[in-house]
């Protein structure tokens, strides 16, 4: 029974870390992009195509 408890706690920890990794992998770069976007537009503005 002790082994099952250890396996269950390890599984819960891995699921929790996977959720945190997903959130930090998506949210943190999104926050940086929102802060840097005005400077990126100033440095490399989008040019319209002329046909």
PDB file of N, CA and C in Angstrom:
ATOM      1  N   UNK A   1       0.823  -1.198   0.000  1.00  0.00           N
ATOM      2  CA  UNK A   1       0.000   0.000   0.000  1.00  0.00           C
ATOM      3  C   UNK A   1       0.863   1.256   0.000  1.00  0.00           C
ATOM      4  N   UNK A   2       2.020   1.161   0.619  1.00  0.00           N
ATOM      5  CA  UNK A   2       2.925   2.308   0.683  1.00  0.00           C
ATOM      6  C   UNK A   2       3.459   2.668  -0.708  1.00  0.00           C
ATOM      7  N   UNK A   3       3.708   1.639  -1.512  1.00  0.00           N
ATOM      8  CA  UNK A   3       4.216   1.875  -2.868  1.00  0.00           C
ATOM      9  C   UNK A   3       3.167   2.584  -3.713  1.00  0.00           C
ATOM     10  N   UNK A   4       1.916   2.206  -3.561  1.00  0.00           N
ATOM     11  CA  UNK A   4       0.840   2.850  -4.324  1.00  0.00           C
ATOM     12  C   UNK A   4       0.728   4.321  -3.936  1.00  0.00           C
ATOM     13  N   UNK A   5       0.895   4.633  -2.661  1.00  0.00           N
ATOM     14  CA  UNK A   5       0.854   6.027  -2.214  1.00  0.00           C
ATOM     15  C   UNK A   5       1.980   6.854  -2.806  1.00  0.00           C
ATOM     16  N   UNK A   6       3.176   6.257  -2.875  1.00  0.00           N
ATOM     17  CA  UNK A   6       4.310   6.966  -3.474  1.00  0.00           C
ATOM     18  C   UNK A   6       4.097   7.179  -4.972  1.00  0.00           C
ATOM     19  N   UNK A   7       3.605   6.172  -5.646  1.00  0.00           N
ATOM     20  CA  UNK A   7       3.348   6.311  -7.084  1.00  0.00           C
ATOM     21  C   UNK A   7       2.258   7.349  -7.353  1.00  0.00           C
ATOM     22  N   UNK A   8       1.235   7.357  -6.530  1.00  0.00           N
ATOM     23  CA  UNK A   8       0.154   8.321  -6.702  1.00  0.00           C
ATOM     24  C   UNK A   8       0.639   9.749  -6.455  1.00  0.00           C
ATOM     25  N   UNK A   9       1.457   9.929  -5.426  1.00  0.00           N
ATOM     26  CA  UNK A   9       1.970  11.276  -5.159  1.00  0.00           C
ATOM     27  C   UNK A   9       2.933  11.730  -6.256  1.00  0.00           C
ATOM     28  N   UNK A  10       3.721  10.809  -6.799  1.00  0.00           N
ATOM     29  CA  UNK A  10       4.607  11.162  -7.902  1.00  0.00           C
ATOM     30  C   UNK A  10       3.803  11.526  -9.147  1.00  0.00           C
ATOM     31  N   UNK A  11       2.734  10.799  -9.410  1.00  0.00           N
ATOM     32  CA  UNK A  11       1.889  11.097 -10.564  1.00  0.00           C
ATOM     33  C   UNK A  11       1.208  12.453 -10.421  1.00  0.00           C
ATOM     34  N   UNK A  12       0.705  12.750  -9.239  1.00  0.00           N
ATOM     35  CA  UNK A  12       0.073  14.051  -8.992  1.00  0.00           C
ATOM     36  C   UNK A  12       1.101  15.175  -9.167  1.00  0.00           C
ATOM     37  N   UNK A  13       2.312  14.962  -8.677  1.00  0.00           N
ATOM     38  CA  UNK A  13       3.352  15.979  -8.829  1.00  0.00           C
ATOM     39  C   UNK A  13       3.703  16.200 -10.293  1.00  0.00           C
ATOM     40  N   UNK A  14       3.803  15.118 -11.058  1.00  0.00           N
ATOM     41  CA  UNK A  14       4.130  15.259 -12.478  1.00  0.00           C
ATOM     42  C   UNK A  14       3.025  15.979 -13.238  1.00  0.00           C
ATOM     43  N   UNK A  15       1.782  15.694 -12.918  1.00  0.00           N
ATOM     44  CA  UNK A  15       0.662  16.394 -13.576  1.00  0.00           C
ATOM     45  C   UNK A  15       0.695  17.875 -13.222  1.00  0.00           C
ATOM     46  N   UNK A  16       0.943  18.180 -11.955  1.00  0.00           N
ATOM     47  CA  UNK A  16       1.019  19.576 -11.524  1.00  0.00           C
ATOM     48  C   UNK A  16       2.156  20.305 -12.238  1.00  0.00           C
ATOM     49  N   UNK A  17       3.326  19.662 -12.329  1.00  0.00           N
ATOM     50  CA  UNK A  17       4.456  20.294 -13.012  1.00  0.00           C
ATOM     51  C   UNK A  17       4.196  20.452 -14.503  1.00  0.00           C
ATOM     52  N   UNK A  18       3.480  19.518 -15.115  1.00  0.00           N
ATOM     53  CA  UNK A  18       3.139  19.651 -16.531  1.00  0.00           C
ATOM     54  C   UNK A  18       2.206  20.836 -16.756  1.00  0.00           C
ATOM     55  N   UNK A  19       1.249  21.017 -15.840  1.00  0.00           N
ATOM     56  CA  UNK A  19       0.339  22.164 -15.956  1.00  0.00           C
ATOM     57  C   UNK A  19       1.109  23.467 -15.793  1.00  0.00           C
ATOM     58  N   UNK A  20       1.998  23.532 -14.803  1.00  0.00           N
ATOM     59  CA  UNK A  20       2.800  24.741 -14.617  1.00  0.00           C
ATOM     60  C   UNK A  20       3.704  25.010 -15.814  1.00  0.00           C
ATOM     61  N   UNK A  21       4.288  23.964 -16.371  1.00  0.00           N
ATOM     62  CA  UNK A  21       5.144  24.134 -17.544  1.00  0.00           C
ATOM     63  C   UNK A  21       4.380  24.651 -18.743  1.00  0.00           C
ATOM     64  N   UNK A  22       3.170  24.148 -18.925  1.00  0.00           N
ATOM     65  CA  UNK A  22       2.353  24.619 -20.043  1.00  0.00           C
ATOM     66  C   UNK A  22       1.965  26.076 -19.862  1.00  0.00           C
ATOM     67  N   UNK A  23       1.569  26.432 -18.653  1.00  0.00           N
ATOM     68  CA  UNK A  23       1.185  27.818 -18.394  1.00  0.00           C
ATOM     69  C   UNK A  23       2.376  28.753 -18.580  1.00  0.00           C
ATOM     70  N   UNK A  24       3.513  28.382 -18.034  1.00  0.00           N
ATOM     71  CA  UNK A  24       4.676  29.266 -18.152  1.00  0.00           C
ATOM     72  C   UNK A  24       5.213  29.293 -19.574  1.00  0.00           C
ATOM     73  N   UNK A  25       5.053  28.224 -20.311  1.00  0.00           N
ATOM     74  CA  UNK A  25       5.519  28.203 -21.700  1.00  0.00           C
ATOM     75  C   UNK A  25       4.664  29.043 -22.623  1.00  0.00           C
ATOM     76  N   UNK A  26       3.421  29.273 -22.255  1.00  0.00           N
ATOM     77  CA  UNK A  26       2.516  30.053 -23.102  1.00  0.00           C
ATOM     78  C   UNK A  26       2.344  31.468 -22.573  1.00  0.00           C
ATOM     79  N   UNK A  27       2.138  31.604 -21.276  1.00  0.00           N
ATOM     80  CA  UNK A  27       1.783  32.906 -20.709  1.00  0.00           C
ATOM     81  C   UNK A  27       2.975  33.859 -20.626  1.00  0.00           C
ATOM     82  N   UNK A  28       4.108  33.380 -20.178  1.00  0.00           N
ATOM     83  CA  UNK A  28       5.254  34.274 -19.981  1.00  0.00           C
ATOM     84  C   UNK A  28       5.765  34.843 -21.304  1.00  0.00           C
ATOM     85  N   UNK A  29       5.962  34.039 -22.366  1.00  0.00           N
ATOM     86  CA  UNK A  29       6.341  34.668 -23.644  1.00  0.00           C
ATOM     87  C   UNK A  29       5.275  35.616 -24.177  1.00  0.00           C
ATOM     88  N   UNK A  30       4.010  35.312 -23.915  1.00  0.00           N
ATOM     89  CA  UNK A  30       2.939  36.214 -24.338  1.00  0.00           C
ATOM     90  C   UNK A  30       3.007  37.551 -23.641  1.00  0.00           C
ATOM     91  N   UNK A  31       3.359  37.548 -22.371  1.00  0.00           N
ATOM     92  CA  UNK A  31       3.504  38.806 -21.636  1.00  0.00           C
ATOM     93  C   UNK A  31       4.672  39.619 -22.177  1.00  0.00           C
ATOM     94  N   UNK A  32       5.791  38.945 -22.436  1.00  0.00           N
ATOM     95  CA  UNK A  32       6.933  39.662 -22.989  1.00  0.00           C
ATOM     96  C   UNK A  32       6.622  40.211 -24.374  1.00  0.00           C
ATOM     97  N   UNK A  33       5.908  39.447 -25.170  1.00  0.00           N
ATOM     98  CA  UNK A  33       5.566  39.909 -26.515  1.00  0.00           C
ATOM     99  C   UNK A  33       4.651  41.123 -26.457  1.00  0.00           C
ATOM    100  N   UNK A  34       3.726  41.137 -25.502  1.00  0.00           N
ATOM    101  CA  UNK A  34       2.833  42.286 -25.366  1.00  0.00           C
ATOM    102  C   UNK A  34       3.603  43.540 -24.962  1.00  0.00           C
ATOM    103  N   UNK A  35       4.658  43.386 -24.187  1.00  0.00           N
ATOM    104  CA  UNK A  35       5.459  44.536 -23.759  1.00  0.00           C
ATOM    105  C   UNK A  35       6.370  45.007 -24.880  1.00  0.00           C
ATOM    106  N   UNK A  36       6.913  44.068 -25.651  1.00  0.00           N
ATOM    107  CA  UNK A  36       7.922  44.395 -26.667  1.00  0.00           C
ATOM    108  C   UNK A  36       7.292  44.775 -28.006  1.00  0.00           C
ATOM    109  N   UNK A  37       6.023  44.434 -28.213  1.00  0.00           N
ATOM    110  CA  UNK A  37       5.387  44.644 -29.513  1.00  0.00           C
ATOM    111  C   UNK A  37       5.452  46.089 -30.018  1.00  0.00           C
ATOM    112  N   UNK A  38       5.216  47.107 -29.199  1.00  0.00           N
ATOM    113  CA  UNK A  38       5.328  48.470 -29.737  1.00  0.00           C
ATOM    114  C   UNK A  38       6.737  48.806 -30.229  1.00  0.00           C
ATOM    115  N   UNK A  39       7.757  48.315 -29.528  1.00  0.00           N
ATOM    116  CA  UNK A  39       9.124  48.576 -29.977  1.00  0.00           C
ATOM    117  C   UNK A  39       9.445  47.799 -31.243  1.00  0.00           C
ATOM    118  N   UNK A  40       8.921  46.599 -31.360  1.00  0.00           N
ATOM    119  CA  UNK A  40       9.149  45.826 -32.580  1.00  0.00           C
ATOM    120  C   UNK A  40       8.511  46.512 -33.780  1.00  0.00           C
ATOM    121  N   UNK A  41       7.335  47.088 -33.582  1.00  0.00           N
ATOM    122  CA  UNK A  41       6.677  47.808 -34.667  1.00  0.00           C
ATOM    123  C   UNK A  41       7.452  49.062 -35.041  1.00  0.00           C
ATOM    124  N   UNK A  42       8.104  49.677 -34.075  1.00  0.00           N
ATOM    125  CA  UNK A  42       8.904  50.868 -34.355  1.00  0.00           C
ATOM    126  C   UNK A  42      10.214  50.496 -35.064  1.00  0.00           C
ATOM    127  N   UNK A  43      10.823  49.377 -34.644  1.00  0.00           N
ATOM    128  CA  UNK A  43      12.105  48.958 -35.231  1.00  0.00           C
ATOM    129  C   UNK A  43      11.907  48.388 -36.630  1.00  0.00           C
ATOM    130  N   UNK A  44      10.944  47.493 -36.782  1.00  0.00           N
ATOM    131  CA  UNK A  44      10.701  46.849 -38.069  1.00  0.00           C
ATOM    132  C   UNK A  44       9.232  46.999 -38.433  1.00  0.00           C
ATOM    133  N   UNK A  45       8.854  48.153 -38.971  1.00  0.00           N
ATOM    134  CA  UNK A  45       7.436  48.343 -39.301  1.00  0.00           C
ATOM    135  C   UNK A  45       7.006  47.444 -40.455  1.00  0.00           C
ATOM    136  N   UNK A  46       5.753  47.104 -40.437  1.00  0.00           N
ATOM    137  CA  UNK A  46       5.192  46.281 -41.514  1.00  0.00           C
ATOM    138  C   UNK A  46       4.982  47.174 -42.724  1.00  0.00           C
ATOM    139  N   UNK A  47       5.540  46.749 -43.826  1.00  0.00           N
ATOM    140  CA  UNK A  47       5.421  47.559 -45.046  1.00  0.00           C
ATOM    141  C   UNK A  47       4.304  47.004 -45.911  1.00  0.00           C
ATOM    142  N   UNK A  48       3.536  47.899 -46.467  1.00  0.00           N
ATOM    143  CA  UNK A  48       2.465  47.474 -47.358  1.00  0.00           C
ATOM    144  C   UNK A  48       3.024  47.175 -48.741  1.00  0.00           C
ATOM    145  N   UNK A  49       2.447  46.194 -49.397  1.00  0.00           N
ATOM    146  CA  UNK A  49       2.901  45.825 -50.743  1.00  0.00           C
ATOM    147  C   UNK A  49       2.338  46.811 -51.759  1.00  0.00           C
ATOM    148  N   UNK A  50       3.151  47.187 -52.683  1.00  0.00           N
ATOM    149  CA  UNK A  50       2.688  48.046 -53.784  1.00  0.00           C
ATOM    150  C   UNK A  50       2.698  47.236 -55.061  1.00  0.00           C
ATOM    151  N   UNK A  51       1.533  47.112 -55.622  1.00  0.00           N
ATOM    152  CA  UNK A  51       1.431  46.316 -56.871  1.00  0.00           C
ATOM    153  C   UNK A  51       1.453  47.202 -58.077  1.00  0.00           C
TER     154      UNK A  51
END
